[in-house]
Amino acid sequence: MVVFGGTGDLAMRKLLPALYYLHRDGHLHEGTRIYALARAQHSAESYRKFAKRHVSQYVARSDFEQSSWESFAARMDYLSLDVSQRVEFPKLTKLLKKDSERVRVFYLATLPSLFAPTVKHLASVGLADEYARVVLEKPLGESLLTANQINDQIGAVFDESRVFRIDHYLGKEAVQNLLALRFGNALFEPLWRNAHIDHVQISVLESVGVENRGDYYDRAGAMRDMVQNHLLQLLCLVAMEAPVHFEPEAVRNEKLKILEALRPITGMDVQDRTVRGQYAAGEHAGERLPAYYFEKRVDHDSNTETFVALKTEIDNWRWAGVPFYLRTGKSMAQRKSEIVIQFKPVPYRLFPRSGDNPENNRLVISLQPDEGIRLSLMAKSPGRGMGLQNVDLDLDFADAFKRRRWDAYERLLLDVIQGDATLFMRRDEIEAAWRWVDPIIAGWQDCYRSPKRYPAGSWGPDAADSLLERQGHAWLDQRS
């Protein structure tokens, strides 16, 4: 496992903690070696001390065992290397040559602008052979054109079967349970269609602002950073047909069909079916929060969106006529990621209502901060008469499964090592997602409208609520 960007935030927060757990729990082959690469000057020993100081912050205290760390650290080595310089790569060849016929995973935890030169340099020193796999972090380009340029450059060196484009949302337990829920239970599959589902909501909300990512985020915005990858991938898993076999190409074929069936949002539809916002100064839990344009490394005249809500539909037999509402935002009232499946009402209301405002049946799949599934049913209220009210069947994964839940990166790294690409994005998926997103971004640019302001610590701009209200719908958090 060769980690480019081995001193960076991703390596310290996610990759090394995930590898530590895989090592501790016996999932790594005994001969596995981990090489961290970066420009910083470290000896192997000083890097191990540096890594321990950071990794111990991101591993549960009860799980950080000195003996496990020492045996894990013994797997690690460090090489100071500037990936932009071809002349430095023979040093890496020398380091790896004794293991020339072992699987080599090159994890590019770097800026996307370094992806192409890195793989080119790997090929030039003979390290991009049939034993090599490459992992690419998002974002993969800023448009269809730039994504294709990167993919062409990667594809000139690595066959598609050896390219793993990672989206950590697909490694979450609750996301994979979505597939189990749909295709492993006779209860839901007959109802999972337009005859019974009224609409679907997919929300990925963060309570923090851009923090220290201002320079990147101000170029990307919420659409490129979240919608083009995370939200569209979640939509695919909600809407896809059952694959013939649960194997990588079959699963990814079905996801691609959904992306290709998404109704385009172009021209005036961009104004009617999308909302873009940017957080202004606000307050949350008694703390004053700054406006986006006062964040570090953000242009004070920035027109970048920190919030996106949109309505789309899938033009196929299963989903025709069902609105899908997608929403993501920074500096929101609450951190949460969830999928809401709102079922249609019964054909005839036989019983009177009771309580404030009983809803129809609803399935809520929570992805973070807590993973679980909640099914809202109608039941008789205690006492006289047949008034109904909502009650929840609630499955909390932490309660149901007493074992420690794997982090998404643990699962995904192990999949790369084992060569399982099921939870990774194929090139044609990336292209289809950009083909759908690009006209929306172009529509925003053509109309030159500033994003709608919303107070930091709120649920976003009012226009996002109106987007649903026009159809008689409401975001789940706006009902409670």
Protein backbone atom coordinates (compact mmCIF):
# COMPACT_ATOMS: atom_id res chain seq x y z
CA MET A 1 0.00 0.00 0.00
CA VAL A 2 1.73 3.16 -1.27
CA VAL A 3 0.05 6.35 -0.04
CA PHE A 4 0.93 9.50 -1.98
CA GLY A 5 0.17 12.42 0.32
CA GLY A 6 1.15 10.31 3.31
CA THR A 7 1.46 13.26 5.71
CA GLY A 8 -1.83 14.87 4.69
CA ASP A 9 -5.13 15.21 6.49
CA LEU A 10 -6.83 12.32 4.67
CA ALA A 11 -4.00 9.92 5.46
CA MET A 12 -3.98 10.84 9.15
CA ARG A 13 -7.75 11.03 9.71
CA LYS A 14 -8.96 8.15 7.55
CA LEU A 15 -6.43 5.97 5.74
CA LEU A 16 -3.98 5.10 8.51
CA PRO A 17 -6.72 4.62 11.16
CA ALA A 18 -8.54 2.29 8.75
CA LEU A 19 -5.36 0.34 8.04
CA TYR A 20 -4.61 0.16 11.77
CA TYR A 21 -8.01 -1.46 12.42
CA LEU A 22 -7.57 -3.88 9.51
CA HIS A 23 -4.17 -4.84 10.93
CA ARG A 24 -5.39 -5.16 14.51
CA ASP A 25 -8.33 -7.33 13.51
CA GLY A 26 -6.23 -9.63 11.35
CA HIS A 27 -7.52 -8.62 7.89
CA LEU A 28 -4.15 -7.72 6.38
CA HIS A 29 -1.83 -10.37 4.96
CA GLU A 30 1.14 -10.86 7.24
CA GLY A 31 3.50 -9.57 4.57
CA THR A 32 1.58 -6.34 3.88
CA ARG A 33 3.76 -3.22 3.83
CA ILE A 34 2.60 0.41 3.97
CA TYR A 35 4.74 3.12 2.37
CA ALA A 36 3.87 6.77 2.99
CA LEU A 37 5.17 9.30 0.45
CA ALA A 38 5.28 13.08 0.75
CA ARG A 39 7.67 15.99 0.25
CA ALA A 40 8.28 16.48 3.99
CA GLN A 41 11.61 15.26 5.32
CA HIS A 42 11.10 12.33 7.71
CA SER A 43 13.04 9.26 8.68
CA ALA A 44 11.01 6.09 8.99
CA GLU A 45 11.12 6.42 12.77
CA SER A 46 10.14 10.10 12.90
CA TYR A 47 7.25 9.39 10.53
CA ARG A 48 5.98 6.60 12.77
CA LYS A 49 6.02 8.98 15.73
CA PHE A 50 4.26 11.64 13.64
CA ALA A 51 1.64 9.11 12.53
CA LYS A 52 1.07 7.80 16.05
CA ARG A 53 0.45 11.31 17.38
CA HIS A 54 -2.24 11.93 14.77
CA VAL A 55 -3.79 8.48 14.34
CA SER A 56 -4.33 8.08 18.09
CA GLN A 57 -6.73 11.04 17.88
CA TYR A 58 -8.93 9.27 15.33
CA VAL A 59 -9.01 5.78 16.80
CA ALA A 60 -11.25 5.12 19.80
CA ARG A 61 -9.15 5.26 22.97
CA SER A 62 -10.27 1.78 23.96
CA ASP A 63 -9.10 0.45 20.58
CA PHE A 64 -5.66 2.05 20.53
CA GLU A 65 -3.45 -0.66 21.98
CA GLN A 66 0.28 -0.13 22.29
CA SER A 67 1.19 -3.66 21.22
CA SER A 68 -1.10 -3.43 18.17
CA TRP A 69 0.34 -0.05 17.26
CA GLU A 70 3.93 -1.31 17.50
CA SER A 71 3.26 -4.27 15.22
CA PHE A 72 1.32 -1.99 12.84
CA ALA A 73 4.09 0.63 12.84
CA ALA A 74 6.57 -2.11 11.94
CA ARG A 75 4.70 -2.45 8.62
CA MET A 76 5.21 1.25 7.80
CA ASP A 77 8.02 3.00 6.00
CA TYR A 78 8.44 6.52 4.66
CA LEU A 79 9.95 8.02 1.54
CA SER A 80 10.41 11.73 0.86
CA LEU A 81 9.34 12.22 -2.75
CA ASP A 82 8.04 15.07 -4.89
CA VAL A 83 5.44 13.47 -7.20
CA SER A 84 5.82 16.25 -9.76
CA GLN A 85 9.45 15.29 -10.39
CA ARG A 86 10.02 12.26 -12.63
CA VAL A 87 13.66 11.99 -11.53
CA GLU A 88 12.60 11.07 -7.98
CA PHE A 89 10.61 7.98 -8.89
CA PRO A 90 13.57 5.59 -9.23
CA LYS A 91 13.84 5.91 -5.44
CA LEU A 92 10.39 4.32 -5.20
CA THR A 93 11.37 1.57 -7.64
CA LYS A 94 14.35 0.75 -5.47
CA LEU A 95 12.12 0.59 -2.40
CA LEU A 96 9.59 -1.77 -4.05
CA LYS A 97 11.77 -3.92 -6.27
CA LYS A 98 12.14 -6.71 -3.72
CA ASP A 99 8.36 -7.18 -3.87
CA SER A 100 8.02 -6.87 -7.64
CA GLU A 101 5.38 -9.62 -8.00
CA ARG A 102 3.09 -8.59 -5.15
CA VAL A 103 -0.08 -6.55 -5.48
CA ARG A 104 0.75 -2.85 -5.23
CA VAL A 105 -1.99 -0.36 -4.36
CA PHE A 106 -1.10 3.25 -5.19
CA TYR A 107 -3.45 5.53 -3.23
CA LEU A 108 -3.42 9.08 -4.63
CA ALA A 109 -4.45 11.19 -1.62
CA THR A 110 -3.28 14.29 -3.49
CA LEU A 111 -4.66 17.15 -5.53
CA PRO A 112 -6.39 15.92 -8.72
CA SER A 113 -3.91 17.97 -10.74
CA LEU A 114 -1.22 15.50 -9.61
CA PHE A 115 -3.11 12.35 -10.65
CA ALA A 116 -1.92 12.31 -14.26
CA PRO A 117 1.76 13.13 -13.66
CA THR A 118 1.91 10.60 -10.82
CA VAL A 119 0.65 7.66 -12.88
CA LYS A 120 2.78 8.74 -15.83
CA HIS A 121 5.88 8.70 -13.63
CA LEU A 122 4.89 5.31 -12.18
CA ALA A 123 4.67 3.91 -15.70
CA SER A 124 8.03 5.42 -16.66
CA VAL A 125 9.81 3.43 -13.94
CA GLY A 126 7.90 0.19 -14.58
CA LEU A 127 5.62 0.28 -11.53
CA ALA A 128 2.28 0.42 -13.38
CA ASP A 129 2.28 -3.24 -14.40
CA GLU A 130 -0.39 -5.93 -13.97
CA TYR A 131 0.29 -6.11 -10.23
CA ALA A 132 -0.56 -2.42 -9.69
CA ARG A 133 -3.88 -0.79 -8.77
CA VAL A 134 -4.55 2.91 -8.39
CA VAL A 135 -7.07 4.58 -6.07
CA LEU A 136 -8.33 8.08 -6.97
CA GLU A 137 -9.97 10.42 -4.47
CA LYS A 138 -12.68 12.84 -5.48
CA PRO A 139 -13.11 15.34 -6.99
CA LEU A 140 -12.39 13.84 -10.39
CA GLY A 141 -12.42 16.94 -12.55
CA GLU A 142 -14.57 20.06 -12.51
CA SER A 143 -16.69 19.22 -15.56
CA LEU A 144 -17.20 16.46 -18.11
CA LEU A 145 -14.34 17.88 -20.18
CA THR A 146 -11.81 17.95 -17.33
CA ALA A 147 -12.97 14.58 -15.94
CA ASN A 148 -12.44 13.04 -19.37
CA GLN A 149 -8.98 14.55 -19.58
CA ILE A 150 -8.02 12.99 -16.25
CA ASN A 151 -9.62 9.65 -17.13
CA ASP A 152 -7.85 9.60 -20.50
CA GLN A 153 -4.51 10.23 -18.84
CA ILE A 154 -5.13 7.57 -16.18
CA GLY A 155 -6.49 5.15 -18.79
CA ALA A 156 -3.36 5.50 -20.90
CA VAL A 157 -1.45 3.85 -18.03
CA PHE A 158 -3.94 1.71 -16.10
CA ASP A 159 -6.60 -0.58 -17.48
CA GLU A 160 -10.09 0.32 -16.20
CA SER A 161 -10.20 -2.89 -14.13
CA ARG A 162 -7.27 -1.58 -12.07
CA VAL A 163 -8.68 1.93 -11.44
CA PHE A 164 -10.64 2.41 -8.20
CA ARG A 165 -12.47 5.76 -7.96
CA ILE A 166 -13.43 6.00 -4.32
CA ASP A 167 -16.56 7.54 -2.80
CA HIS A 168 -16.52 6.85 0.93
CA TYR A 169 -20.32 7.16 1.16
CA LEU A 170 -20.60 3.86 -0.70
CA GLY A 171 -18.59 2.18 2.08
CA LYS A 172 -21.01 3.16 4.84
CA GLU A 173 -22.83 0.28 6.51
CA ALA A 174 -26.24 1.92 6.16
CA VAL A 175 -25.72 2.53 2.43
CA GLN A 176 -25.02 -1.14 1.83
CA ASN A 177 -27.93 -2.05 4.07
CA LEU A 178 -30.07 -0.14 1.60
CA LEU A 179 -29.32 -2.85 -0.95
CA ALA A 180 -30.01 -5.56 1.63
CA LEU A 181 -33.28 -3.87 2.58
CA ARG A 182 -34.44 -3.68 -1.02
CA PHE A 183 -33.25 -6.96 -2.48
CA GLY A 184 -33.18 -9.19 0.60
CA ASN A 185 -36.69 -8.59 1.93
CA ALA A 186 -39.93 -9.62 0.25
CA LEU A 187 -41.70 -6.89 2.26
CA PHE A 188 -40.29 -3.92 0.33
CA GLU A 189 -39.49 -4.88 -3.25
CA PRO A 190 -43.15 -5.12 -4.43
CA LEU A 191 -43.77 -1.60 -3.05
CA TRP A 192 -40.55 -0.03 -4.36
CA ARG A 193 -42.11 1.71 -7.37
CA ASN A 194 -44.25 4.62 -8.51
CA ALA A 195 -47.53 2.87 -7.72
CA HIS A 196 -46.77 3.07 -4.00
CA ILE A 197 -44.07 5.73 -3.45
CA ASP A 198 -45.09 9.38 -3.42
CA HIS A 199 -41.61 10.95 -3.42
CA VAL A 200 -38.03 10.45 -2.25
CA GLN A 201 -35.77 12.84 -0.30
CA ILE A 202 -31.99 12.50 -0.11
CA SER A 203 -30.20 14.91 2.24
CA VAL A 204 -26.52 15.24 3.13
CA LEU A 205 -26.19 18.15 5.55
CA GLU A 206 -23.20 19.37 7.53
CA SER A 207 -23.32 21.61 10.59
CA VAL A 208 -19.78 22.91 10.00
CA GLY A 209 -18.74 25.48 7.40
CA VAL A 210 -15.88 25.04 4.96
CA GLU A 211 -13.33 25.11 7.83
CA ASN A 212 -9.81 24.98 6.31
CA ARG A 213 -10.92 23.91 2.81
CA GLY A 214 -11.77 27.39 1.57
CA ASP A 215 -9.28 27.44 -1.30
CA TYR A 216 -10.64 24.16 -2.71
CA TYR A 217 -14.29 24.74 -1.88
CA ASP A 218 -14.43 28.20 -3.43
CA ARG A 219 -13.51 26.62 -6.78
CA ALA A 220 -15.79 23.61 -6.45
CA GLY A 221 -18.97 24.57 -4.61
CA ALA A 222 -21.63 22.22 -3.28
CA MET A 223 -22.69 20.94 -6.71
CA ARG A 224 -19.25 19.65 -7.68
CA ASP A 225 -18.21 18.69 -4.16
CA MET A 226 -21.31 16.74 -3.11
CA VAL A 227 -24.11 16.43 -5.68
CA GLN A 228 -22.10 15.12 -8.64
CA ASN A 229 -20.75 12.22 -6.59
CA HIS A 230 -22.23 11.48 -3.14
CA LEU A 231 -25.87 12.40 -3.76
CA LEU A 232 -26.11 10.92 -7.24
CA GLN A 233 -24.54 7.70 -6.03
CA LEU A 234 -27.10 7.46 -3.22
CA LEU A 235 -29.89 8.13 -5.72
CA CYS A 236 -28.57 5.28 -7.89
CA LEU A 237 -28.67 2.82 -4.99
CA VAL A 238 -32.22 3.85 -4.10
CA ALA A 239 -33.52 3.59 -7.65
CA MET A 240 -31.49 0.88 -9.41
CA GLU A 241 -32.93 -2.43 -10.53
CA ALA A 242 -31.70 -5.66 -8.97
CA PRO A 243 -28.52 -6.84 -10.71
CA VAL A 244 -28.55 -10.35 -12.15
CA HIS A 245 -25.61 -11.20 -9.88
CA PHE A 246 -24.09 -9.26 -7.00
CA GLU A 247 -20.77 -8.70 -8.72
CA PRO A 248 -18.99 -5.46 -9.70
CA GLU A 249 -19.94 -5.01 -13.34
CA ALA A 250 -23.57 -6.07 -12.87
CA VAL A 251 -24.08 -3.60 -9.99
CA ARG A 252 -22.38 -0.75 -11.83
CA ASN A 253 -24.37 -1.46 -15.01
CA GLU A 254 -27.61 -0.93 -13.09
CA LYS A 255 -26.35 2.30 -11.50
CA LEU A 256 -25.38 3.62 -14.91
CA LYS A 257 -28.92 3.00 -16.24
CA ILE A 258 -30.31 5.30 -13.52
CA LEU A 259 -27.84 8.09 -14.30
CA GLU A 260 -28.76 7.85 -17.97
CA ALA A 261 -32.49 7.93 -17.15
CA LEU A 262 -32.26 11.10 -15.04
CA ARG A 263 -34.42 13.79 -16.61
CA PRO A 264 -32.11 16.64 -17.76
CA ILE A 265 -32.37 20.01 -16.02
CA THR A 266 -31.60 22.63 -18.65
CA GLY A 267 -32.61 26.14 -19.73
CA MET A 268 -35.40 27.70 -17.67
CA ASP A 269 -35.85 24.44 -15.74
CA VAL A 270 -32.66 25.32 -13.88
CA GLN A 271 -34.48 28.25 -12.28
CA ASP A 272 -37.62 26.26 -11.52
CA ARG A 273 -36.13 23.00 -10.28
CA THR A 274 -32.92 24.00 -8.48
CA VAL A 275 -32.00 26.24 -5.56
CA ARG A 276 -28.49 27.39 -4.76
CA GLY A 277 -27.63 29.14 -1.52
CA GLN A 278 -24.70 30.53 0.45
CA TYR A 279 -24.56 30.86 4.22
CA ALA A 280 -24.49 34.28 5.81
CA ALA A 281 -23.57 35.05 9.41
CA GLY A 282 -25.71 33.19 11.93
CA GLU A 283 -25.81 31.42 15.24
CA HIS A 284 -25.87 27.80 16.36
CA ALA A 285 -26.01 26.49 19.94
CA GLY A 286 -25.20 29.97 21.23
CA GLU A 287 -22.11 30.31 19.04
CA ARG A 288 -21.76 33.07 16.47
CA LEU A 289 -20.96 31.69 13.02
CA PRO A 290 -19.26 33.67 10.23
CA ALA A 291 -20.60 34.20 6.73
CA TYR A 292 -19.05 32.09 4.00
CA TYR A 293 -17.24 35.04 2.44
CA PHE A 294 -15.43 35.67 5.75
CA GLU A 295 -14.05 32.12 5.93
CA LYS A 296 -10.32 31.49 5.51
CA ARG A 297 -9.04 31.46 1.93
CA VAL A 298 -12.43 32.41 0.46
CA ASP A 299 -12.86 35.29 -2.00
CA HIS A 300 -14.86 38.06 -0.28
CA ASP A 301 -16.88 38.54 -3.48
CA SER A 302 -17.46 34.80 -3.90
CA ASN A 303 -20.55 33.64 -5.76
CA THR A 304 -19.91 29.99 -4.82
CA GLU A 305 -22.87 27.95 -3.55
CA THR A 306 -22.63 26.22 -0.17
CA PHE A 307 -26.17 24.81 -0.48
CA VAL A 308 -27.99 23.04 -3.31
CA ALA A 309 -31.53 21.68 -3.45
CA LEU A 310 -33.07 20.28 -6.59
CA LYS A 311 -35.98 18.27 -7.89
CA THR A 312 -35.45 15.61 -10.52
CA GLU A 313 -37.26 12.60 -11.96
CA ILE A 314 -36.18 9.27 -13.40
CA ASP A 315 -37.72 8.52 -16.76
CA ASN A 316 -38.24 4.77 -16.61
CA TRP A 317 -41.09 2.36 -15.92
CA ARG A 318 -40.43 1.93 -12.20
CA TRP A 319 -40.08 5.61 -11.26
CA ALA A 320 -42.02 7.67 -13.82
CA GLY A 321 -43.81 10.52 -12.03
CA VAL A 322 -41.99 10.17 -8.69
CA PRO A 323 -40.11 13.36 -7.65
CA PHE A 324 -36.64 12.88 -6.20
CA TYR A 325 -35.52 15.79 -4.03
CA LEU A 326 -31.79 16.15 -3.39
CA ARG A 327 -30.31 18.54 -0.83
CA THR A 328 -26.87 19.29 0.57
CA GLY A 329 -25.46 22.20 2.52
CA LYS A 330 -22.75 23.56 4.78
CA SER A 331 -23.26 25.30 8.13
CA MET A 332 -26.72 23.80 8.57
CA ALA A 333 -28.84 23.43 11.72
CA GLN A 334 -27.89 19.79 12.10
CA ARG A 335 -25.38 17.29 10.74
CA LYS A 336 -27.23 14.44 9.13
CA SER A 337 -27.39 12.28 6.04
CA GLU A 338 -30.62 10.45 5.36
CA ILE A 339 -32.82 8.96 2.69
CA VAL A 340 -36.59 9.37 3.10
CA ILE A 341 -38.98 7.12 1.18
CA GLN A 342 -42.45 8.67 1.48
CA PHE A 343 -45.20 6.19 0.61
CA LYS A 344 -48.56 7.15 -0.85
CA PRO A 345 -51.65 7.20 1.37
CA VAL A 346 -54.10 4.36 1.50
CA PRO A 347 -56.72 4.65 -1.26
CA TYR A 348 -59.51 5.42 1.19
CA ARG A 349 -59.15 6.92 4.67
CA LEU A 350 -61.34 4.66 6.78
CA PHE A 351 -60.36 5.94 10.22
CA PRO A 352 -60.39 9.48 11.62
CA ARG A 353 -57.13 11.31 12.29
CA SER A 354 -55.88 11.98 15.78
CA GLY A 355 -52.81 13.75 17.07
CA ASP A 356 -51.27 16.83 15.47
CA ASN A 357 -50.80 15.71 11.88
CA PRO A 358 -50.40 12.00 11.25
CA GLU A 359 -48.40 11.17 8.16
CA ASN A 360 -48.55 8.32 5.71
CA ASN A 361 -46.11 5.42 5.91
CA ARG A 362 -42.53 6.56 5.66
CA LEU A 363 -39.15 4.80 5.62
CA VAL A 364 -36.13 6.78 6.84
CA ILE A 365 -32.64 5.40 6.28
CA SER A 366 -30.13 7.31 8.44
CA LEU A 367 -26.51 7.30 7.27
CA GLN A 368 -24.94 9.70 9.77
CA PRO A 369 -24.30 10.63 12.49
CA ASP A 370 -26.15 7.49 13.62
CA GLU A 371 -26.84 4.62 11.24
CA GLY A 372 -30.29 3.07 11.34
CA ILE A 373 -33.63 2.44 9.68
CA ARG A 374 -36.95 3.83 10.90
CA LEU A 375 -40.33 2.74 9.50
CA SER A 376 -43.30 4.94 10.36
CA LEU A 377 -46.63 3.09 10.58
CA MET A 378 -50.18 4.08 11.47
CA ALA A 379 -51.55 2.57 14.68
CA LYS A 380 -54.66 3.06 16.79
CA SER A 381 -54.35 5.69 19.53
CA PRO A 382 -55.00 4.29 23.03
CA GLY A 383 -58.50 4.91 24.35
CA ARG A 384 -61.94 5.12 22.88
CA GLY A 385 -62.54 5.28 19.17
CA MET A 386 -60.39 4.40 16.16
CA GLY A 387 -58.21 7.46 15.83
CA LEU A 388 -54.80 6.77 14.27
CA GLN A 389 -51.36 8.13 14.98
CA ASN A 390 -47.82 7.50 13.78
CA VAL A 391 -45.61 5.00 15.57
CA ASP A 392 -42.07 4.04 14.58
CA LEU A 393 -40.36 0.71 14.17
CA ASP A 394 -36.78 1.77 14.83
CA LEU A 395 -33.66 -0.26 14.01
CA ASP A 396 -30.50 1.28 15.46
CA PHE A 397 -27.48 -0.51 14.03
CA ALA A 398 -25.41 0.19 17.17
CA ASP A 399 -28.03 -1.59 19.31
CA ALA A 400 -28.83 -4.36 16.85
CA PHE A 401 -25.22 -5.28 16.12
CA LYS A 402 -23.03 -5.12 19.20
CA ARG A 403 -19.81 -5.46 17.22
CA ARG A 404 -17.78 -2.39 16.39
CA ARG A 405 -18.99 -0.86 13.16
CA TRP A 406 -16.38 -0.60 10.43
CA ASP A 407 -15.46 2.79 9.08
CA ALA A 408 -16.19 3.18 5.37
CA TYR A 409 -12.49 3.39 4.52
CA GLU A 410 -11.77 0.07 6.22
CA ARG A 411 -14.22 -1.71 3.95
CA LEU A 412 -13.16 0.13 0.82
CA LEU A 413 -9.43 -0.33 1.37
CA LEU A 414 -9.93 -4.03 1.93
CA ASP A 415 -12.00 -4.20 -1.26
CA VAL A 416 -9.16 -2.58 -3.22
CA ILE A 417 -6.65 -5.04 -1.77
CA GLN A 418 -8.92 -7.92 -2.76
CA GLY A 419 -9.67 -6.42 -6.18
CA ASP A 420 -13.43 -6.01 -5.58
CA ALA A 421 -14.68 -2.93 -7.49
CA THR A 422 -18.39 -3.23 -6.59
CA LEU A 423 -18.43 -0.11 -4.40
CA PHE A 424 -16.28 2.01 -6.71
CA MET A 425 -17.32 4.23 -9.60
CA ARG A 426 -16.64 3.17 -13.16
CA ARG A 427 -15.56 5.72 -15.75
CA ASP A 428 -18.88 5.75 -17.59
CA GLU A 429 -20.69 6.49 -14.30
CA ILE A 430 -18.47 9.54 -13.77
CA GLU A 431 -19.16 10.72 -17.31
CA ALA A 432 -22.93 10.25 -17.02
CA ALA A 433 -23.01 12.19 -13.73
CA TRP A 434 -21.07 15.10 -15.24
CA ARG A 435 -23.29 15.13 -18.34
CA TRP A 436 -26.27 15.67 -16.04
CA VAL A 437 -24.59 18.21 -13.73
CA ASP A 438 -22.84 20.40 -16.32
CA PRO A 439 -26.05 21.98 -17.78
CA ILE A 440 -27.19 22.95 -14.29
CA ILE A 441 -23.91 24.74 -13.55
CA ALA A 442 -24.06 26.38 -16.99
CA GLY A 443 -27.63 27.53 -16.29
CA TRP A 444 -26.53 29.16 -13.05
CA GLN A 445 -23.71 30.95 -14.84
CA ASP A 446 -25.96 32.12 -17.67
CA CYS A 447 -28.49 33.79 -15.37
CA TYR A 448 -25.80 35.51 -13.24
CA ARG A 449 -27.93 35.31 -10.10
CA SER A 450 -26.20 35.30 -6.74
CA PRO A 451 -26.93 32.36 -4.47
CA LYS A 452 -29.74 32.91 -1.98
CA ARG A 453 -28.50 33.78 1.51
CA TYR A 454 -29.40 31.67 4.51
CA PRO A 455 -28.28 32.17 8.12
CA ALA A 456 -25.51 29.81 9.23
CA GLY A 457 -27.06 27.29 11.61
CA SER A 458 -30.42 27.22 9.78
CA TRP A 459 -32.06 24.69 7.45
CA GLY A 460 -31.10 26.63 4.31
CA PRO A 461 -32.86 29.22 2.13
CA ASP A 462 -36.66 29.47 2.11
CA ALA A 463 -36.67 28.74 -1.61
CA ALA A 464 -35.61 25.15 -0.82
CA ASP A 465 -38.83 24.69 1.16
CA SER A 466 -40.88 26.25 -1.64
CA LEU A 467 -39.38 23.77 -4.10
CA LEU A 468 -41.29 21.00 -2.29
CA GLU A 469 -44.31 23.02 -1.21
CA ARG A 470 -45.31 23.55 -4.84
CA GLN A 471 -45.89 19.80 -5.00
CA GLY A 472 -47.58 19.60 -1.59
CA HIS A 473 -44.44 18.13 0.01
CA ALA A 474 -42.08 19.20 2.79
CA TRP A 475 -38.59 18.26 3.95
CA LEU A 476 -38.83 15.80 6.79
CA ASP A 477 -37.06 18.11 9.26
CA GLN A 478 -39.50 20.89 8.43
CA ARG A 479 -42.44 18.73 9.57
CA SER A 480 -41.05 17.99 13.03
